[in-house]
PDB file of N, CA and C in Angstrom:
ATOM      1  N   MET A   1     -14.226 -20.164   7.853  1.00  0.00           N
ATOM      2  CA  MET A   1     -14.483 -18.778   8.210  1.00  0.00           C
ATOM      3  C   MET A   1     -15.990 -18.523   8.133  1.00  0.00           C
ATOM      4  N   SER A   2     -16.496 -17.881   9.112  1.00  0.00           N
ATOM      5  CA  SER A   2     -17.922 -17.601   9.172  1.00  0.00           C
ATOM      6  C   SER A   2     -18.316 -16.581   8.100  1.00  0.00           C
ATOM      7  N   TRP A   3     -19.537 -16.684   7.602  1.00  0.00           N
ATOM      8  CA  TRP A   3     -20.008 -15.760   6.566  1.00  0.00           C
ATOM      9  C   TRP A   3     -20.109 -14.338   7.100  1.00  0.00           C
ATOM     10  N   LYS A   4     -20.315 -14.189   8.404  1.00  0.00           N
ATOM     11  CA  LYS A   4     -20.374 -12.846   8.984  1.00  0.00           C
ATOM     12  C   LYS A   4     -19.008 -12.167   8.926  1.00  0.00           C
ATOM     13  N   ILE A   5     -17.976 -12.925   9.171  1.00  0.00           N
ATOM     14  CA  ILE A   5     -16.626 -12.373   9.101  1.00  0.00           C
ATOM     15  C   ILE A   5     -16.292 -11.977   7.668  1.00  0.00           C
ATOM     16  N   VAL A   6     -16.727 -12.782   6.718  1.00  0.00           N
ATOM     17  CA  VAL A   6     -16.489 -12.470   5.309  1.00  0.00           C
ATOM     18  C   VAL A   6     -17.189 -11.175   4.933  1.00  0.00           C
ATOM     19  N   LEU A   7     -18.420 -10.981   5.391  1.00  0.00           N
ATOM     20  CA  LEU A   7     -19.142  -9.742   5.100  1.00  0.00           C
ATOM     21  C   LEU A   7     -18.463  -8.526   5.728  1.00  0.00           C
ATOM     22  N   VAL A   8     -17.964  -8.669   6.934  1.00  0.00           N
ATOM     23  CA  VAL A   8     -17.265  -7.571   7.583  1.00  0.00           C
ATOM     24  C   VAL A   8     -15.993  -7.243   6.813  1.00  0.00           C
ATOM     25  N   LEU A   9     -15.240  -8.254   6.425  1.00  0.00           N
ATOM     26  CA  LEU A   9     -14.024  -8.021   5.650  1.00  0.00           C
ATOM     27  C   LEU A   9     -14.332  -7.372   4.313  1.00  0.00           C
ATOM     28  N   TYR A  10     -15.412  -7.781   3.696  1.00  0.00           N
ATOM     29  CA  TYR A  10     -15.824  -7.183   2.423  1.00  0.00           C
ATOM     30  C   TYR A  10     -16.099  -5.688   2.588  1.00  0.00           C
ATOM     31  N   GLY A  11     -16.677  -5.309   3.697  1.00  0.00           N
ATOM     32  CA  GLY A  11     -16.959  -3.897   3.949  1.00  0.00           C
ATOM     33  C   GLY A  11     -15.739  -3.102   4.368  1.00  0.00           C
ATOM     34  N   VAL A  12     -14.794  -3.741   5.048  1.00  0.00           N
ATOM     35  CA  VAL A  12     -13.621  -3.028   5.556  1.00  0.00           C
ATOM     36  C   VAL A  12     -12.533  -2.904   4.490  1.00  0.00           C
ATOM     37  N   ILE A  13     -12.323  -3.925   3.705  1.00  0.00           N
ATOM     38  CA  ILE A  13     -11.235  -3.923   2.726  1.00  0.00           C
ATOM     39  C   ILE A  13     -11.393  -2.789   1.715  1.00  0.00           C
ATOM     40  N   VAL A  14     -12.608  -2.487   1.320  1.00  0.00           N
ATOM     41  CA  VAL A  14     -12.799  -1.429   0.320  1.00  0.00           C
ATOM     42  C   VAL A  14     -12.434  -0.050   0.857  1.00  0.00           C
ATOM     43  N   THR A  15     -12.383   0.115   2.166  1.00  0.00           N
ATOM     44  CA  THR A  15     -12.019   1.418   2.720  1.00  0.00           C
ATOM     45  C   THR A  15     -10.536   1.722   2.566  1.00  0.00           C
ATOM     46  N   PHE A  16      -9.726   0.729   2.260  1.00  0.00           N
ATOM     47  CA  PHE A  16      -8.289   0.916   2.117  1.00  0.00           C
ATOM     48  C   PHE A  16      -7.848   1.132   0.671  1.00  0.00           C
ATOM     49  N   GLN A  17      -8.785   1.285  -0.234  1.00  0.00           N
ATOM     50  CA  GLN A  17      -8.442   1.472  -1.644  1.00  0.00           C
ATOM     51  C   GLN A  17      -7.854   2.854  -1.870  1.00  0.00           C
ATOM     52  N   ILE A  18      -6.779   2.915  -2.651  1.00  0.00           N
ATOM     53  CA  ILE A  18      -6.143   4.196  -2.954  1.00  0.00           C
ATOM     54  C   ILE A  18      -6.403   4.612  -4.400  1.00  0.00           C
ATOM     55  N   PHE A  19      -7.083   3.783  -5.153  1.00  0.00           N
ATOM     56  CA  PHE A  19      -7.447   4.065  -6.533  1.00  0.00           C
ATOM     57  C   PHE A  19      -8.389   5.265  -6.522  1.00  0.00           C
ATOM     58  N   SER A  20      -8.046   6.342  -7.218  1.00  0.00           N
ATOM     59  CA  SER A  20      -8.759   7.614  -7.072  1.00  0.00           C
ATOM     60  C   SER A  20     -10.226   7.573  -7.488  1.00  0.00           C
ATOM     61  N   SER A  21     -10.583   6.749  -8.436  1.00  0.00           N
ATOM     62  CA  SER A  21     -11.992   6.686  -8.845  1.00  0.00           C
ATOM     63  C   SER A  21     -12.624   5.344  -8.465  1.00  0.00           C
ATOM     64  N   PHE A  22     -12.140   4.758  -7.384  1.00  0.00           N
ATOM     65  CA  PHE A  22     -12.668   3.475  -6.931  1.00  0.00           C
ATOM     66  C   PHE A  22     -14.146   3.575  -6.574  1.00  0.00           C
ATOM     67  N   HIS A  23     -14.573   4.725  -6.057  1.00  0.00           N
ATOM     68  CA  HIS A  23     -15.969   4.880  -5.653  1.00  0.00           C
ATOM     69  C   HIS A  23     -16.911   4.688  -6.844  1.00  0.00           C
ATOM     70  N   ARG A  24     -16.478   5.084  -8.030  1.00  0.00           N
ATOM     71  CA  ARG A  24     -17.322   4.901  -9.215  1.00  0.00           C
ATOM     72  C   ARG A  24     -17.426   3.432  -9.604  1.00  0.00           C
ATOM     73  N   VAL A  25     -16.318   2.738  -9.518  1.00  0.00           N
ATOM     74  CA  VAL A  25     -16.320   1.303  -9.827  1.00  0.00           C
ATOM     75  C   VAL A  25     -17.184   0.558  -8.817  1.00  0.00           C
ATOM     76  N   TYR A  26     -17.039   0.914  -7.552  1.00  0.00           N
ATOM     77  CA  TYR A  26     -17.810   0.267  -6.490  1.00  0.00           C
ATOM     78  C   TYR A  26     -19.306   0.537  -6.663  1.00  0.00           C
ATOM     79  N   ALA A  27     -19.663   1.756  -7.032  1.00  0.00           N
ATOM     80  CA  ALA A  27     -21.066   2.105  -7.260  1.00  0.00           C
ATOM     81  C   ALA A  27     -21.626   1.358  -8.466  1.00  0.00           C
ATOM     82  N   ALA A  28     -20.831   1.215  -9.514  1.00  0.00           N
ATOM     83  CA  ALA A  28     -21.282   0.483 -10.700  1.00  0.00           C
ATOM     84  C   ALA A  28     -21.538  -0.974 -10.368  1.00  0.00           C
ATOM     85  N   CYS A  29     -20.693  -1.562  -9.547  1.00  0.00           N
ATOM     86  CA  CYS A  29     -20.915  -2.943  -9.116  1.00  0.00           C
ATOM     87  C   CYS A  29     -22.197  -3.052  -8.297  1.00  0.00           C
ATOM     88  N   GLY A  30     -22.455  -2.047  -7.472  1.00  0.00           N
ATOM     89  CA  GLY A  30     -23.679  -2.042  -6.678  1.00  0.00           C
ATOM     90  C   GLY A  30     -24.921  -1.959  -7.541  1.00  0.00           C
ATOM     91  N   VAL A  31     -24.866  -1.138  -8.579  1.00  0.00           N
ATOM     92  CA  VAL A  31     -26.007  -1.013  -9.505  1.00  0.00           C
ATOM     93  C   VAL A  31     -26.281  -2.338 -10.188  1.00  0.00           C
ATOM     94  N   ILE A  32     -25.229  -2.984 -10.652  1.00  0.00           N
ATOM     95  CA  ILE A  32     -25.392  -4.281 -11.314  1.00  0.00           C
ATOM     96  C   ILE A  32     -25.963  -5.299 -10.342  1.00  0.00           C
ATOM     97  N   PHE A  33     -25.466  -5.300  -9.105  1.00  0.00           N
ATOM     98  CA  PHE A  33     -25.957  -6.236  -8.092  1.00  0.00           C
ATOM     99  C   PHE A  33     -27.440  -6.011  -7.809  1.00  0.00           C
ATOM    100  N   ILE A  34     -27.862  -4.763  -7.672  1.00  0.00           N
ATOM    101  CA  ILE A  34     -29.265  -4.460  -7.388  1.00  0.00           C
ATOM    102  C   ILE A  34     -30.161  -4.905  -8.538  1.00  0.00           C
ATOM    103  N   ILE A  35     -29.784  -4.559  -9.762  1.00  0.00           N
ATOM    104  CA  ILE A  35     -30.609  -4.912 -10.921  1.00  0.00           C
ATOM    105  C   ILE A  35     -30.722  -6.422 -11.079  1.00  0.00           C
ATOM    106  N   LEU A  36     -29.604  -7.132 -10.990  1.00  0.00           N
ATOM    107  CA  LEU A  36     -29.648  -8.587 -11.154  1.00  0.00           C
ATOM    108  C   LEU A  36     -30.414  -9.266 -10.023  1.00  0.00           C
ATOM    109  N   SER A  37     -30.325  -8.718  -8.820  1.00  0.00           N
ATOM    110  CA  SER A  37     -31.068  -9.297  -7.694  1.00  0.00           C
ATOM    111  C   SER A  37     -32.572  -9.204  -7.914  1.00  0.00           C
ATOM    112  N   VAL A  38     -33.036  -8.069  -8.411  1.00  0.00           N
ATOM    113  CA  VAL A  38     -34.472  -7.895  -8.642  1.00  0.00           C
ATOM    114  C   VAL A  38     -34.927  -8.733  -9.836  1.00  0.00           C
ATOM    115  N   LEU A  39     -34.119  -8.770 -10.883  1.00  0.00           N
ATOM    116  CA  LEU A  39     -34.501  -9.556 -12.056  1.00  0.00           C
ATOM    117  C   LEU A  39     -34.538 -11.050 -11.752  1.00  0.00           C
ATOM    118  N   ARG A  40     -33.626 -11.509 -10.932  1.00  0.00           N
ATOM    119  CA  ARG A  40     -33.554 -12.931 -10.609  1.00  0.00           C
ATOM    120  C   ARG A  40     -34.631 -13.341  -9.601  1.00  0.00           C
ATOM    121  N   GLY A  41     -34.974 -12.446  -8.706  1.00  0.00           N
ATOM    122  CA  GLY A  41     -35.901 -12.808  -7.638  1.00  0.00           C
ATOM    123  C   GLY A  41     -35.130 -13.516  -6.536  1.00  0.00           C
ATOM    124  N   GLY A  42     -35.826 -14.037  -5.592  1.00  0.00           N
ATOM    125  CA  GLY A  42     -35.150 -14.736  -4.507  1.00  0.00           C
ATOM    126  C   GLY A  42     -36.078 -15.685  -3.799  1.00  0.00           C
ATOM    127  N   ASN A  43     -35.496 -16.642  -3.125  1.00  0.00           N
ATOM    128  CA  ASN A  43     -36.260 -17.628  -2.355  1.00  0.00           C
ATOM    129  C   ASN A  43     -37.325 -18.328  -3.197  1.00  0.00           C
ATOM    130  N   LYS A  44     -36.976 -18.568  -4.447  1.00  0.00           N
ATOM    131  CA  LYS A  44     -37.865 -19.279  -5.378  1.00  0.00           C
ATOM    132  C   LYS A  44     -39.186 -18.568  -5.613  1.00  0.00           C
ATOM    133  N   LYS A  45     -39.171 -17.241  -5.536  1.00  0.00           N
ATOM    134  CA  LYS A  45     -40.369 -16.476  -5.868  1.00  0.00           C
ATOM    135  C   LYS A  45     -39.973 -15.257  -6.675  1.00  0.00           C
ATOM    136  N   ALA A  46     -40.875 -14.794  -7.471  1.00  0.00           N
ATOM    137  CA  ALA A  46     -40.597 -13.646  -8.328  1.00  0.00           C
ATOM    138  C   ALA A  46     -40.580 -12.358  -7.500  1.00  0.00           C
ATOM    139  N   SER A  47     -39.886 -11.369  -8.011  1.00  0.00           N
ATOM    140  CA  SER A  47     -39.848 -10.070  -7.342  1.00  0.00           C
ATOM    141  C   SER A  47     -41.225  -9.418  -7.400  1.00  0.00           C
ATOM    142  N   ASP A  48     -41.622  -8.803  -6.286  1.00  0.00           N
ATOM    143  CA  ASP A  48     -42.933  -8.160  -6.249  1.00  0.00           C
ATOM    144  C   ASP A  48     -42.801  -6.656  -6.438  1.00  0.00           C
ATOM    145  N   LEU A  49     -43.906  -5.961  -6.287  1.00  0.00           N
ATOM    146  CA  LEU A  49     -43.934  -4.517  -6.494  1.00  0.00           C
ATOM    147  C   LEU A  49     -42.959  -3.786  -5.584  1.00  0.00           C
ATOM    148  N   TYR A  50     -42.850  -4.226  -4.338  1.00  0.00           N
ATOM    149  CA  TYR A  50     -41.973  -3.550  -3.388  1.00  0.00           C
ATOM    150  C   TYR A  50     -40.499  -3.763  -3.724  1.00  0.00           C
ATOM    151  N   ASP A  51     -40.160  -4.905  -4.295  1.00  0.00           N
ATOM    152  CA  ASP A  51     -38.789  -5.117  -4.764  1.00  0.00           C
ATOM    153  C   ASP A  51     -38.454  -4.145  -5.882  1.00  0.00           C
ATOM    154  N   TRP A  52     -39.364  -4.000  -6.830  1.00  0.00           N
ATOM    155  CA  TRP A  52     -39.146  -3.081  -7.946  1.00  0.00           C
ATOM    156  C   TRP A  52     -39.102  -1.633  -7.461  1.00  0.00           C
ATOM    157  N   LEU A  53     -39.980  -1.298  -6.541  1.00  0.00           N
ATOM    158  CA  LEU A  53     -40.003   0.063  -5.994  1.00  0.00           C
ATOM    159  C   LEU A  53     -38.696   0.350  -5.235  1.00  0.00           C
ATOM    160  N   GLY A  54     -38.228  -0.604  -4.470  1.00  0.00           N
ATOM    161  CA  GLY A  54     -36.967  -0.435  -3.759  1.00  0.00           C
ATOM    162  C   GLY A  54     -35.799  -0.261  -4.710  1.00  0.00           C
ATOM    163  N   MET A  55     -35.815  -1.004  -5.818  1.00  0.00           N
ATOM    164  CA  MET A  55     -34.762  -0.862  -6.804  1.00  0.00           C
ATOM    165  C   MET A  55     -34.764   0.536  -7.415  1.00  0.00           C
ATOM    166  N   VAL A  56     -35.943   1.035  -7.737  1.00  0.00           N
ATOM    167  CA  VAL A  56     -36.049   2.372  -8.330  1.00  0.00           C
ATOM    168  C   VAL A  56     -35.553   3.429  -7.338  1.00  0.00           C
ATOM    169  N   ILE A  57     -35.903   3.288  -6.081  1.00  0.00           N
ATOM    170  CA  ILE A  57     -35.455   4.247  -5.071  1.00  0.00           C
ATOM    171  C   ILE A  57     -33.940   4.202  -4.929  1.00  0.00           C
ATOM    172  N   CYS A  58     -33.361   3.019  -4.884  1.00  0.00           N
ATOM    173  CA  CYS A  58     -31.911   2.897  -4.774  1.00  0.00           C
ATOM    174  C   CYS A  58     -31.195   3.475  -5.976  1.00  0.00           C
ATOM    175  N   LEU A  59     -31.698   3.177  -7.154  1.00  0.00           N
ATOM    176  CA  LEU A  59     -31.035   3.650  -8.362  1.00  0.00           C
ATOM    177  C   LEU A  59     -31.223   5.152  -8.565  1.00  0.00           C
ATOM    178  N   ALA A  60     -32.294   5.713  -8.006  1.00  0.00           N
ATOM    179  CA  ALA A  60     -32.516   7.151  -8.117  1.00  0.00           C
ATOM    180  C   ALA A  60     -31.607   7.917  -7.129  1.00  0.00           C
ATOM    181  N   GLY A  61     -31.090   7.216  -6.138  1.00  0.00           N
ATOM    182  CA  GLY A  61     -30.152   7.833  -5.205  1.00  0.00           C
ATOM    183  C   GLY A  61     -30.781   8.479  -3.993  1.00  0.00           C
ATOM    184  N   PHE A  62     -31.984   8.082  -3.627  1.00  0.00           N
ATOM    185  CA  PHE A  62     -32.639   8.668  -2.463  1.00  0.00           C
ATOM    186  C   PHE A  62     -32.112   8.072  -1.199  1.00  0.00           C
TER     187      PHE A  62
END
């Protein structure tokens, strides 16, 4: 299965959730993903100022 199909399924499957507070769980997972992504860095380089600034903007909810 192509990685693009997996990403599409990941985005579509969550729309069928009937759990009443699923949006909070999903948002908490997103926060953890954002923080760990910036702390870990990527492509064998450390996170720069713009990565940190983007994280702050995302976490502030803008």
